[in-house]
All heavy atoms as atom14 arrays in JSON, in Angstrom:
{
  "sequence": "EKAVSWCREHQLEFDAINDNLPEIVEMYGNNSRKITCDYYIDDKA",
  "atom14_mask": [
    [1, 1, 1, 1, 1, 1, 1, 1, 1, 0, 0, 0, 0, 0],
    [1, 1, 1, 1, 1, 1, 1, 1, 1, 0, 0, 0, 0, 0],
    [1, 1, 1, 1, 1, 0, 0, 0, 0, 0, 0, 0, 0, 0],
    [1, 1, 1, 1, 1, 1, 1, 0, 0, 0, 0, 0, 0, 0],
    [1, 1, 1, 1, 1, 1, 0, 0, 0, 0, 0, 0, 0, 0],
    [1, 1, 1, 1, 1, 1, 1, 1, 1, 1, 1, 1, 1, 1],
    [1, 1, 1, 1, 1, 1, 0, 0, 0, 0, 0, 0, 0, 0],
    [1, 1, 1, 1, 1, 1, 1, 1, 1, 1, 1, 0, 0, 0],
    [1, 1, 1, 1, 1, 1, 1, 1, 1, 0, 0, 0, 0, 0],
    [1, 1, 1, 1, 1, 1, 1, 1, 1, 1, 0, 0, 0, 0],
    [1, 1, 1, 1, 1, 1, 1, 1, 1, 0, 0, 0, 0, 0],
    [1, 1, 1, 1, 1, 1, 1, 1, 0, 0, 0, 0, 0, 0],
    [1, 1, 1, 1, 1, 1, 1, 1, 1, 0, 0, 0, 0, 0],
    [1, 1, 1, 1, 1, 1, 1, 1, 1, 1, 1, 0, 0, 0],
    [1, 1, 1, 1, 1, 1, 1, 1, 0, 0, 0, 0, 0, 0],
    [1, 1, 1, 1, 1, 0, 0, 0, 0, 0, 0, 0, 0, 0],
    [1, 1, 1, 1, 1, 1, 1, 1, 0, 0, 0, 0, 0, 0],
    [1, 1, 1, 1, 1, 1, 1, 1, 0, 0, 0, 0, 0, 0],
    [1, 1, 1, 1, 1, 1, 1, 1, 0, 0, 0, 0, 0, 0],
    [1, 1, 1, 1, 1, 1, 1, 1, 0, 0, 0, 0, 0, 0],
    [1, 1, 1, 1, 1, 1, 1, 1, 0, 0, 0, 0, 0, 0],
    [1, 1, 1, 1, 1, 1, 1, 0, 0, 0, 0, 0, 0, 0],
    [1, 1, 1, 1, 1, 1, 1, 1, 1, 0, 0, 0, 0, 0],
    [1, 1, 1, 1, 1, 1, 1, 1, 0, 0, 0, 0, 0, 0],
    [1, 1, 1, 1, 1, 1, 1, 0, 0, 0, 0, 0, 0, 0],
    [1, 1, 1, 1, 1, 1, 1, 1, 1, 0, 0, 0, 0, 0],
    [1, 1, 1, 1, 1, 1, 1, 1, 0, 0, 0, 0, 0, 0],
    [1, 1, 1, 1, 1, 1, 1, 1, 1, 1, 1, 1, 0, 0],
    [1, 1, 1, 1, 0, 0, 0, 0, 0, 0, 0, 0, 0, 0],
    [1, 1, 1, 1, 1, 1, 1, 1, 0, 0, 0, 0, 0, 0],
    [1, 1, 1, 1, 1, 1, 1, 1, 0, 0, 0, 0, 0, 0],
    [1, 1, 1, 1, 1, 1, 0, 0, 0, 0, 0, 0, 0, 0],
    [1, 1, 1, 1, 1, 1, 1, 1, 1, 1, 1, 0, 0, 0],
    [1, 1, 1, 1, 1, 1, 1, 1, 1, 0, 0, 0, 0, 0],
    [1, 1, 1, 1, 1, 1, 1, 1, 0, 0, 0, 0, 0, 0],
    [1, 1, 1, 1, 1, 1, 1, 0, 0, 0, 0, 0, 0, 0],
    [1, 1, 1, 1, 1, 1, 0, 0, 0, 0, 0, 0, 0, 0],
    [1, 1, 1, 1, 1, 1, 1, 1, 0, 0, 0, 0, 0, 0],
    [1, 1, 1, 1, 1, 1, 1, 1, 1, 1, 1, 1, 0, 0],
    [1, 1, 1, 1, 1, 1, 1, 1, 1, 1, 1, 1, 0, 0],
    [1, 1, 1, 1, 1, 1, 1, 1, 0, 0, 0, 0, 0, 0],
    [1, 1, 1, 1, 1, 1, 1, 1, 0, 0, 0, 0, 0, 0],
    [1, 1, 1, 1, 1, 1, 1, 1, 0, 0, 0, 0, 0, 0],
    [1, 1, 1, 1, 1, 1, 1, 1, 1, 0, 0, 0, 0, 0],
    [1, 1, 1, 1, 1, 0, 0, 0, 0, 0, 0, 0, 0, 0]
  ],
  "atom14_positions": [
    [[109.71, 53.49, 170.48], [109.55, 54.63, 171.36], [110.59, 55.69, 171.06], [110.33, 56.91, 171.09], [109.58, 54.24, 172.86], [108.29, 53.61, 173.32], [107.09, 54.44, 173.04], [107.02, 55.65, 173.29], [106.06, 53.75, 172.52], [0.0, 0.0, 0.0], [0.0, 0.0, 0.0], [0.0, 0.0, 0.0], [0.0, 0.0, 0.0], [0.0, 0.0, 0.0]],
    [[111.84, 55.32, 170.77], [112.83, 56.31, 170.34], [112.4, 57.02, 169.09], [112.64, 58.2, 168.95], [114.13, 55.55, 170.06], [114.86, 55.13, 171.26], [116.14, 54.43, 170.92], [116.89, 53.8, 172.03], [118.15, 53.11, 171.66], [0.0, 0.0, 0.0], [0.0, 0.0, 0.0], [0.0, 0.0, 0.0], [0.0, 0.0, 0.0], [0.0, 0.0, 0.0]],
    [[111.76, 56.35, 168.13], [111.34, 56.97, 166.88], [110.23, 57.93, 167.18], [110.17, 59.06, 166.6], [110.9, 55.93, 165.87], [0.0, 0.0, 0.0], [0.0, 0.0, 0.0], [0.0, 0.0, 0.0], [0.0, 0.0, 0.0], [0.0, 0.0, 0.0], [0.0, 0.0, 0.0], [0.0, 0.0, 0.0], [0.0, 0.0, 0.0], [0.0, 0.0, 0.0]],
    [[109.3, 57.53, 168.06], [108.17, 58.41, 168.29], [108.73, 59.71, 169.0], [108.29, 60.82, 168.62], [107.19, 57.7, 169.19], [106.05, 58.7, 169.73], [106.48, 56.54, 168.47], [0.0, 0.0, 0.0], [0.0, 0.0, 0.0], [0.0, 0.0, 0.0], [0.0, 0.0, 0.0], [0.0, 0.0, 0.0], [0.0, 0.0, 0.0], [0.0, 0.0, 0.0]],
    [[109.62, 59.58, 169.9], [110.17, 60.73, 170.6], [110.93, 61.58, 169.66], [110.89, 62.82, 169.66], [111.14, 60.28, 171.74], [110.42, 59.65, 172.76], [0.0, 0.0, 0.0], [0.0, 0.0, 0.0], [0.0, 0.0, 0.0], [0.0, 0.0, 0.0], [0.0, 0.0, 0.0], [0.0, 0.0, 0.0], [0.0, 0.0, 0.0], [0.0, 0.0, 0.0]],
    [[111.71, 60.94, 168.7], [112.5, 61.61, 167.68], [111.53, 62.51, 166.82], [111.81, 63.65, 166.53], [113.26, 60.68, 166.81], [114.16, 61.28, 165.82], [115.47, 61.51, 166.01], [113.88, 61.63, 164.49], [115.97, 62.03, 164.84], [115.07, 62.05, 163.94], [112.66, 61.56, 163.67], [115.08, 62.51, 162.59], [112.71, 61.98, 162.46], [113.93, 62.48, 161.88]],
    [[110.42, 61.9, 166.4], [109.48, 62.64, 165.59], [108.85, 63.81, 166.38], [108.71, 64.9, 165.77], [108.36, 61.67, 165.19], [108.91, 60.45, 163.85], [0.0, 0.0, 0.0], [0.0, 0.0, 0.0], [0.0, 0.0, 0.0], [0.0, 0.0, 0.0], [0.0, 0.0, 0.0], [0.0, 0.0, 0.0], [0.0, 0.0, 0.0], [0.0, 0.0, 0.0]],
    [[108.56, 63.57, 167.63], [107.98, 64.76, 168.43], [109.04, 65.89, 168.57], [108.6, 67.01, 168.62], [107.59, 64.19, 169.84], [106.29, 63.44, 169.74], [105.72, 63.09, 171.1], [104.35, 62.39, 170.8], [104.11, 61.26, 171.46], [104.91, 60.76, 172.32], [102.92, 60.72, 171.17], [0.0, 0.0, 0.0], [0.0, 0.0, 0.0], [0.0, 0.0, 0.0]],
    [[110.29, 65.53, 168.68], [111.35, 66.55, 168.71], [111.33, 67.39, 167.52], [111.7, 68.56, 167.48], [112.75, 65.89, 168.93], [112.93, 65.34, 170.35], [114.23, 64.53, 170.42], [115.09, 64.58, 169.51], [114.29, 63.85, 171.44], [0.0, 0.0, 0.0], [0.0, 0.0, 0.0], [0.0, 0.0, 0.0], [0.0, 0.0, 0.0], [0.0, 0.0, 0.0]],
    [[110.86, 66.79, 166.33], [110.79, 67.48, 165.1], [109.41, 67.94, 164.81], [109.05, 68.28, 163.71], [111.31, 66.56, 163.93], [112.79, 66.28, 164.09], [113.27, 65.25, 164.85], [113.84, 67.05, 163.62], [114.65, 65.34, 164.78], [114.95, 66.46, 164.13], [0.0, 0.0, 0.0], [0.0, 0.0, 0.0], [0.0, 0.0, 0.0], [0.0, 0.0, 0.0]],
    [[108.56, 68.08, 165.85], [107.15, 68.61, 165.87], [106.26, 67.78, 164.77], [105.39, 68.4, 164.11], [107.14, 70.06, 165.49], [107.68, 70.99, 166.58], [109.27, 71.0, 166.63], [109.88, 71.11, 165.56], [109.81, 70.64, 167.8], [0.0, 0.0, 0.0], [0.0, 0.0, 0.0], [0.0, 0.0, 0.0], [0.0, 0.0, 0.0], [0.0, 0.0, 0.0]],
    [[106.58, 66.46, 164.69], [105.76, 65.66, 163.81], [104.99, 64.65, 164.69], [105.53, 63.89, 165.4], [106.68, 64.96, 162.81], [106.0, 64.05, 161.84], [105.01, 64.92, 160.98], [106.99, 63.33, 160.93], [0.0, 0.0, 0.0], [0.0, 0.0, 0.0], [0.0, 0.0, 0.0], [0.0, 0.0, 0.0], [0.0, 0.0, 0.0], [0.0, 0.0, 0.0]],
    [[103.65, 64.8, 164.65], [102.73, 63.93, 165.37], [101.96, 63.03, 164.4], [101.74, 63.34, 163.24], [101.77, 64.72, 166.2], [102.4, 65.6, 167.23], [102.91, 64.84, 168.48], [102.38, 63.72, 168.76], [103.87, 65.27, 169.12], [0.0, 0.0, 0.0], [0.0, 0.0, 0.0], [0.0, 0.0, 0.0], [0.0, 0.0, 0.0], [0.0, 0.0, 0.0]],
    [[101.56, 61.92, 164.92], [100.87, 60.9, 164.15], [99.47, 60.59, 164.72], [99.23, 60.7, 165.93], [101.65, 59.56, 164.01], [102.9, 59.81, 163.28], [104.06, 60.23, 163.92], [102.97, 59.66, 161.87], [105.22, 60.45, 163.28], [104.14, 59.88, 161.16], [105.24, 60.24, 161.88], [0.0, 0.0, 0.0], [0.0, 0.0, 0.0], [0.0, 0.0, 0.0]],
    [[98.58, 60.13, 163.86], [97.18, 59.78, 164.23], [97.12, 58.3, 164.71], [96.25, 57.92, 165.4], [96.2, 60.06, 163.04], [96.19, 61.58, 162.72], [95.66, 62.28, 163.53], [96.84, 61.91, 161.77], [0.0, 0.0, 0.0], [0.0, 0.0, 0.0], [0.0, 0.0, 0.0], [0.0, 0.0, 0.0], [0.0, 0.0, 0.0], [0.0, 0.0, 0.0]],
    [[98.14, 57.58, 164.26], [98.25, 56.15, 164.71], [99.71, 55.73, 164.5], [100.45, 56.32, 163.74], [97.3, 55.29, 163.85], [0.0, 0.0, 0.0], [0.0, 0.0, 0.0], [0.0, 0.0, 0.0], [0.0, 0.0, 0.0], [0.0, 0.0, 0.0], [0.0, 0.0, 0.0], [0.0, 0.0, 0.0], [0.0, 0.0, 0.0], [0.0, 0.0, 0.0]],
    [[100.07, 54.76, 165.34], [101.49, 54.21, 165.3], [101.36, 52.7, 165.18], [100.86, 52.05, 166.01], [102.24, 54.73, 166.56], [102.38, 56.22, 166.53], [103.69, 53.95, 166.54], [102.87, 56.75, 167.8], [0.0, 0.0, 0.0], [0.0, 0.0, 0.0], [0.0, 0.0, 0.0], [0.0, 0.0, 0.0], [0.0, 0.0, 0.0], [0.0, 0.0, 0.0]],
    [[101.87, 52.19, 164.02], [101.83, 50.76, 163.75], [100.44, 50.19, 163.95], [100.26, 49.05, 164.29], [102.77, 49.99, 164.66], [104.23, 50.18, 164.22], [104.47, 50.53, 163.02], [105.17, 49.91, 165.14], [0.0, 0.0, 0.0], [0.0, 0.0, 0.0], [0.0, 0.0, 0.0], [0.0, 0.0, 0.0], [0.0, 0.0, 0.0], [0.0, 0.0, 0.0]],
    [[99.4, 50.95, 163.54], [98.02, 50.49, 163.74], [97.15, 51.2, 162.75], [97.51, 52.24, 162.23], [97.61, 50.66, 165.07], [96.52, 49.84, 165.56], [95.95, 48.98, 164.72], [95.99, 49.91, 166.67], [0.0, 0.0, 0.0], [0.0, 0.0, 0.0], [0.0, 0.0, 0.0], [0.0, 0.0, 0.0], [0.0, 0.0, 0.0], [0.0, 0.0, 0.0]],
    [[96.04, 50.65, 162.47], [95.01, 51.35, 161.72], [94.33, 52.37, 162.55], [94.29, 52.32, 163.72], [94.0, 50.31, 161.12], [94.54, 49.48, 160.13], [94.84, 49.94, 159.0], [94.58, 48.1, 160.31], [0.0, 0.0, 0.0], [0.0, 0.0, 0.0], [0.0, 0.0, 0.0], [0.0, 0.0, 0.0], [0.0, 0.0, 0.0], [0.0, 0.0, 0.0]],
    [[93.78, 53.35, 161.74], [93.05, 54.47, 162.51], [91.72, 53.76, 163.1], [91.18, 52.92, 162.48], [92.62, 55.49, 161.46], [93.76, 56.24, 160.8], [93.24, 57.1, 159.69], [94.53, 57.09, 161.83], [0.0, 0.0, 0.0], [0.0, 0.0, 0.0], [0.0, 0.0, 0.0], [0.0, 0.0, 0.0], [0.0, 0.0, 0.0], [0.0, 0.0, 0.0]],
    [[91.26, 54.32, 164.23], [90.01, 53.69, 164.8], [88.84, 53.75, 163.86], [88.03, 52.73, 163.82], [89.78, 54.68, 165.98], [91.12, 55.27, 166.3], [91.83, 55.36, 164.99], [0.0, 0.0, 0.0], [0.0, 0.0, 0.0], [0.0, 0.0, 0.0], [0.0, 0.0, 0.0], [0.0, 0.0, 0.0], [0.0, 0.0, 0.0], [0.0, 0.0, 0.0]],
    [[88.68, 54.78, 163.07], [87.58, 54.84, 162.12], [87.67, 53.81, 160.97], [86.64, 53.29, 160.56], [87.43, 56.18, 161.52], [88.57, 56.77, 160.77], [89.48, 57.66, 161.61], [89.71, 57.31, 162.83], [89.99, 58.69, 161.06], [0.0, 0.0, 0.0], [0.0, 0.0, 0.0], [0.0, 0.0, 0.0], [0.0, 0.0, 0.0], [0.0, 0.0, 0.0]],
    [[88.91, 53.34, 160.68], [89.08, 52.24, 159.68], [88.62, 50.91, 160.33], [87.94, 50.14, 159.68], [90.51, 52.24, 159.15], [90.82, 53.53, 158.34], [90.7, 50.94, 158.27], [89.89, 53.75, 157.14], [0.0, 0.0, 0.0], [0.0, 0.0, 0.0], [0.0, 0.0, 0.0], [0.0, 0.0, 0.0], [0.0, 0.0, 0.0], [0.0, 0.0, 0.0]],
    [[89.03, 50.78, 161.56], [88.74, 49.52, 162.24], [87.11, 49.38, 162.41], [86.6, 48.38, 162.08], [89.38, 49.44, 163.7], [88.83, 48.25, 164.44], [90.88, 49.45, 163.49], [0.0, 0.0, 0.0], [0.0, 0.0, 0.0], [0.0, 0.0, 0.0], [0.0, 0.0, 0.0], [0.0, 0.0, 0.0], [0.0, 0.0, 0.0], [0.0, 0.0, 0.0]],
    [[86.55, 50.48, 162.74], [85.12, 50.55, 162.85], [84.34, 50.27, 161.5], [83.45, 49.52, 161.38], [84.58, 51.88, 163.42], [83.09, 51.94, 163.65], [82.67, 53.26, 164.25], [83.52, 53.97, 164.87], [81.51, 53.68, 163.98], [0.0, 0.0, 0.0], [0.0, 0.0, 0.0], [0.0, 0.0, 0.0], [0.0, 0.0, 0.0], [0.0, 0.0, 0.0]],
    [[84.89, 50.9, 160.45], [84.34, 50.74, 159.17], [84.33, 49.28, 158.63], [83.32, 48.78, 158.15], [84.95, 51.64, 158.11], [84.47, 51.63, 156.71], [85.16, 52.78, 155.55], [86.83, 52.26, 155.4], [0.0, 0.0, 0.0], [0.0, 0.0, 0.0], [0.0, 0.0, 0.0], [0.0, 0.0, 0.0], [0.0, 0.0, 0.0], [0.0, 0.0, 0.0]],
    [[85.5, 48.56, 158.91], [85.6, 47.22, 158.42], [85.15, 46.15, 159.44], [85.09, 44.95, 159.15], [87.06, 46.91, 157.96], [87.39, 47.61, 156.67], [88.21, 48.68, 156.65], [86.73, 47.3, 155.49], [88.59, 49.37, 155.45], [87.05, 47.91, 154.3], [87.97, 49.0, 154.28], [88.29, 49.61, 153.14], [0.0, 0.0, 0.0], [0.0, 0.0, 0.0]],
    [[84.96, 46.57, 160.67], [84.54, 45.63, 161.73], [85.62, 44.8, 162.32], [85.4, 43.87, 163.05], [0.0, 0.0, 0.0], [0.0, 0.0, 0.0], [0.0, 0.0, 0.0], [0.0, 0.0, 0.0], [0.0, 0.0, 0.0], [0.0, 0.0, 0.0], [0.0, 0.0, 0.0], [0.0, 0.0, 0.0], [0.0, 0.0, 0.0], [0.0, 0.0, 0.0]],
    [[86.84, 45.09, 161.91], [87.99, 44.37, 162.49], [89.28, 45.17, 162.24], [89.32, 46.16, 161.52], [88.18, 42.95, 161.95], [88.5, 42.91, 160.46], [89.5, 43.47, 159.97], [87.78, 42.24, 159.64], [0.0, 0.0, 0.0], [0.0, 0.0, 0.0], [0.0, 0.0, 0.0], [0.0, 0.0, 0.0], [0.0, 0.0, 0.0], [0.0, 0.0, 0.0]],
    [[90.4, 44.77, 162.81], [91.64, 45.46, 162.76], [92.63, 44.56, 162.04], [93.29, 43.74, 162.62], [92.21, 45.96, 164.06], [93.38, 46.85, 163.99], [93.73, 47.18, 162.86], [93.89, 47.26, 165.09], [0.0, 0.0, 0.0], [0.0, 0.0, 0.0], [0.0, 0.0, 0.0], [0.0, 0.0, 0.0], [0.0, 0.0, 0.0], [0.0, 0.0, 0.0]],
    [[92.66, 44.68, 160.68], [93.6, 43.87, 159.93], [95.08, 44.2, 160.35], [95.39, 45.34, 160.73], [93.43, 44.22, 158.41], [94.47, 43.66, 157.64], [0.0, 0.0, 0.0], [0.0, 0.0, 0.0], [0.0, 0.0, 0.0], [0.0, 0.0, 0.0], [0.0, 0.0, 0.0], [0.0, 0.0, 0.0], [0.0, 0.0, 0.0], [0.0, 0.0, 0.0]],
    [[95.96, 43.25, 160.23], [97.35, 43.5, 160.53], [97.94, 44.36, 159.42], [98.94, 45.01, 159.7], [98.16, 42.13, 160.77], [98.26, 41.33, 159.47], [99.06, 40.09, 159.78], [99.37, 39.38, 158.58], [100.36, 39.65, 157.78], [101.28, 40.53, 158.04], [100.52, 38.93, 156.69], [0.0, 0.0, 0.0], [0.0, 0.0, 0.0], [0.0, 0.0, 0.0]],
    [[97.35, 44.43, 158.3], [97.92, 45.3, 157.25], [97.27, 46.69, 157.41], [96.18, 46.91, 157.58], [97.45, 44.68, 155.86], [97.95, 45.54, 154.72], [97.58, 44.91, 153.36], [98.12, 45.68, 152.22], [97.7, 45.12, 150.97], [0.0, 0.0, 0.0], [0.0, 0.0, 0.0], [0.0, 0.0, 0.0], [0.0, 0.0, 0.0], [0.0, 0.0, 0.0]],
    [[98.13, 47.69, 157.39], [97.75, 49.05, 157.56], [97.0, 49.52, 156.29], [97.46, 49.42, 155.12], [99.04, 49.99, 157.76], [99.81, 49.63, 159.04], [98.57, 51.43, 157.74], [99.07, 49.78, 160.29], [0.0, 0.0, 0.0], [0.0, 0.0, 0.0], [0.0, 0.0, 0.0], [0.0, 0.0, 0.0], [0.0, 0.0, 0.0], [0.0, 0.0, 0.0]],
    [[95.81, 50.06, 156.54], [95.0, 50.65, 155.49], [95.41, 52.06, 155.29], [95.36, 52.86, 156.23], [93.5, 50.52, 155.86], [93.12, 49.14, 155.95], [92.66, 51.04, 154.76], [0.0, 0.0, 0.0], [0.0, 0.0, 0.0], [0.0, 0.0, 0.0], [0.0, 0.0, 0.0], [0.0, 0.0, 0.0], [0.0, 0.0, 0.0], [0.0, 0.0, 0.0]],
    [[95.85, 52.41, 154.07], [96.19, 53.83, 153.79], [96.09, 54.05, 152.25], [95.92, 53.09, 151.47], [97.65, 54.07, 154.22], [98.96, 53.1, 153.35], [0.0, 0.0, 0.0], [0.0, 0.0, 0.0], [0.0, 0.0, 0.0], [0.0, 0.0, 0.0], [0.0, 0.0, 0.0], [0.0, 0.0, 0.0], [0.0, 0.0, 0.0], [0.0, 0.0, 0.0]],
    [[96.08, 55.35, 151.98], [96.0, 55.73, 150.61], [97.42, 55.8, 150.02], [97.54, 55.57, 148.73], [95.28, 57.08, 150.51], [93.92, 57.05, 150.97], [93.03, 56.38, 150.32], [93.61, 57.71, 151.99], [0.0, 0.0, 0.0], [0.0, 0.0, 0.0], [0.0, 0.0, 0.0], [0.0, 0.0, 0.0], [0.0, 0.0, 0.0], [0.0, 0.0, 0.0]],
    [[98.38, 56.15, 150.78], [99.77, 56.23, 150.38], [100.7, 55.71, 151.35], [100.48, 55.92, 152.61], [100.12, 57.71, 150.12], [99.31, 58.33, 149.02], [98.23, 59.11, 149.4], [99.51, 58.18, 147.68], [97.43, 59.84, 148.42], [98.74, 58.75, 146.73], [97.71, 59.56, 147.02], [96.91, 60.1, 146.18], [0.0, 0.0, 0.0], [0.0, 0.0, 0.0]],
    [[101.75, 54.99, 150.97], [102.72, 54.49, 151.86], [104.08, 55.01, 151.34], [104.43, 54.77, 150.3], [102.73, 52.93, 151.82], [103.56, 52.39, 152.95], [103.04, 52.02, 154.19], [104.98, 52.18, 152.82], [103.76, 51.62, 155.2], [105.71, 51.7, 153.84], [105.11, 51.42, 155.04], [105.96, 50.98, 156.02], [0.0, 0.0, 0.0], [0.0, 0.0, 0.0]],
    [[104.66, 55.87, 152.16], [105.91, 56.44, 151.86], [107.12, 55.63, 152.45], [107.1, 55.46, 153.73], [106.03, 57.92, 152.3], [104.87, 58.68, 151.67], [107.35, 58.51, 151.98], [104.73, 60.16, 152.17], [0.0, 0.0, 0.0], [0.0, 0.0, 0.0], [0.0, 0.0, 0.0], [0.0, 0.0, 0.0], [0.0, 0.0, 0.0], [0.0, 0.0, 0.0]],
    [[107.96, 54.98, 151.65], [108.99, 54.15, 152.16], [110.13, 54.15, 151.2], [109.98, 54.25, 150.04], [108.38, 52.75, 152.23], [109.28, 51.72, 152.85], [110.52, 51.94, 152.94], [108.77, 50.74, 153.48], [0.0, 0.0, 0.0], [0.0, 0.0, 0.0], [0.0, 0.0, 0.0], [0.0, 0.0, 0.0], [0.0, 0.0, 0.0], [0.0, 0.0, 0.0]],
    [[111.38, 54.19, 151.75], [112.58, 54.24, 150.94], [112.73, 52.93, 150.19], [113.48, 52.86, 149.18], [113.8, 54.46, 151.76], [114.03, 53.41, 152.82], [113.11, 53.03, 153.58], [115.23, 52.94, 152.94], [0.0, 0.0, 0.0], [0.0, 0.0, 0.0], [0.0, 0.0, 0.0], [0.0, 0.0, 0.0], [0.0, 0.0, 0.0], [0.0, 0.0, 0.0]],
    [[112.03, 51.86, 150.51], [112.17, 50.57, 149.79], [111.0, 50.34, 148.8], [110.94, 49.21, 148.3], [112.23, 49.38, 150.8], [113.28, 49.52, 151.79], [114.7, 49.33, 151.27], [115.71, 49.23, 152.34], [116.95, 49.89, 152.07], [0.0, 0.0, 0.0], [0.0, 0.0, 0.0], [0.0, 0.0, 0.0], [0.0, 0.0, 0.0], [0.0, 0.0, 0.0]],
    [[110.14, 51.27, 148.62], [109.0, 51.14, 147.8], [109.42, 50.93, 146.36], [110.31, 51.62, 145.82], [108.06, 52.18, 148.0], [0.0, 0.0, 0.0], [0.0, 0.0, 0.0], [0.0, 0.0, 0.0], [0.0, 0.0, 0.0], [0.0, 0.0, 0.0], [0.0, 0.0, 0.0], [0.0, 0.0, 0.0], [0.0, 0.0, 0.0], [0.0, 0.0, 0.0]]
  ]
}
């Protein structure tokens, strides 16, 4: 919650938080614990 508030203070909003997008869940018929994305931006990548 601190991170979400911090991002909002910097005018950065997200379509999902620690979850898959609803349309991805619908497309696959389940919500995998692994986030489905085209790109993952991470300092440890």
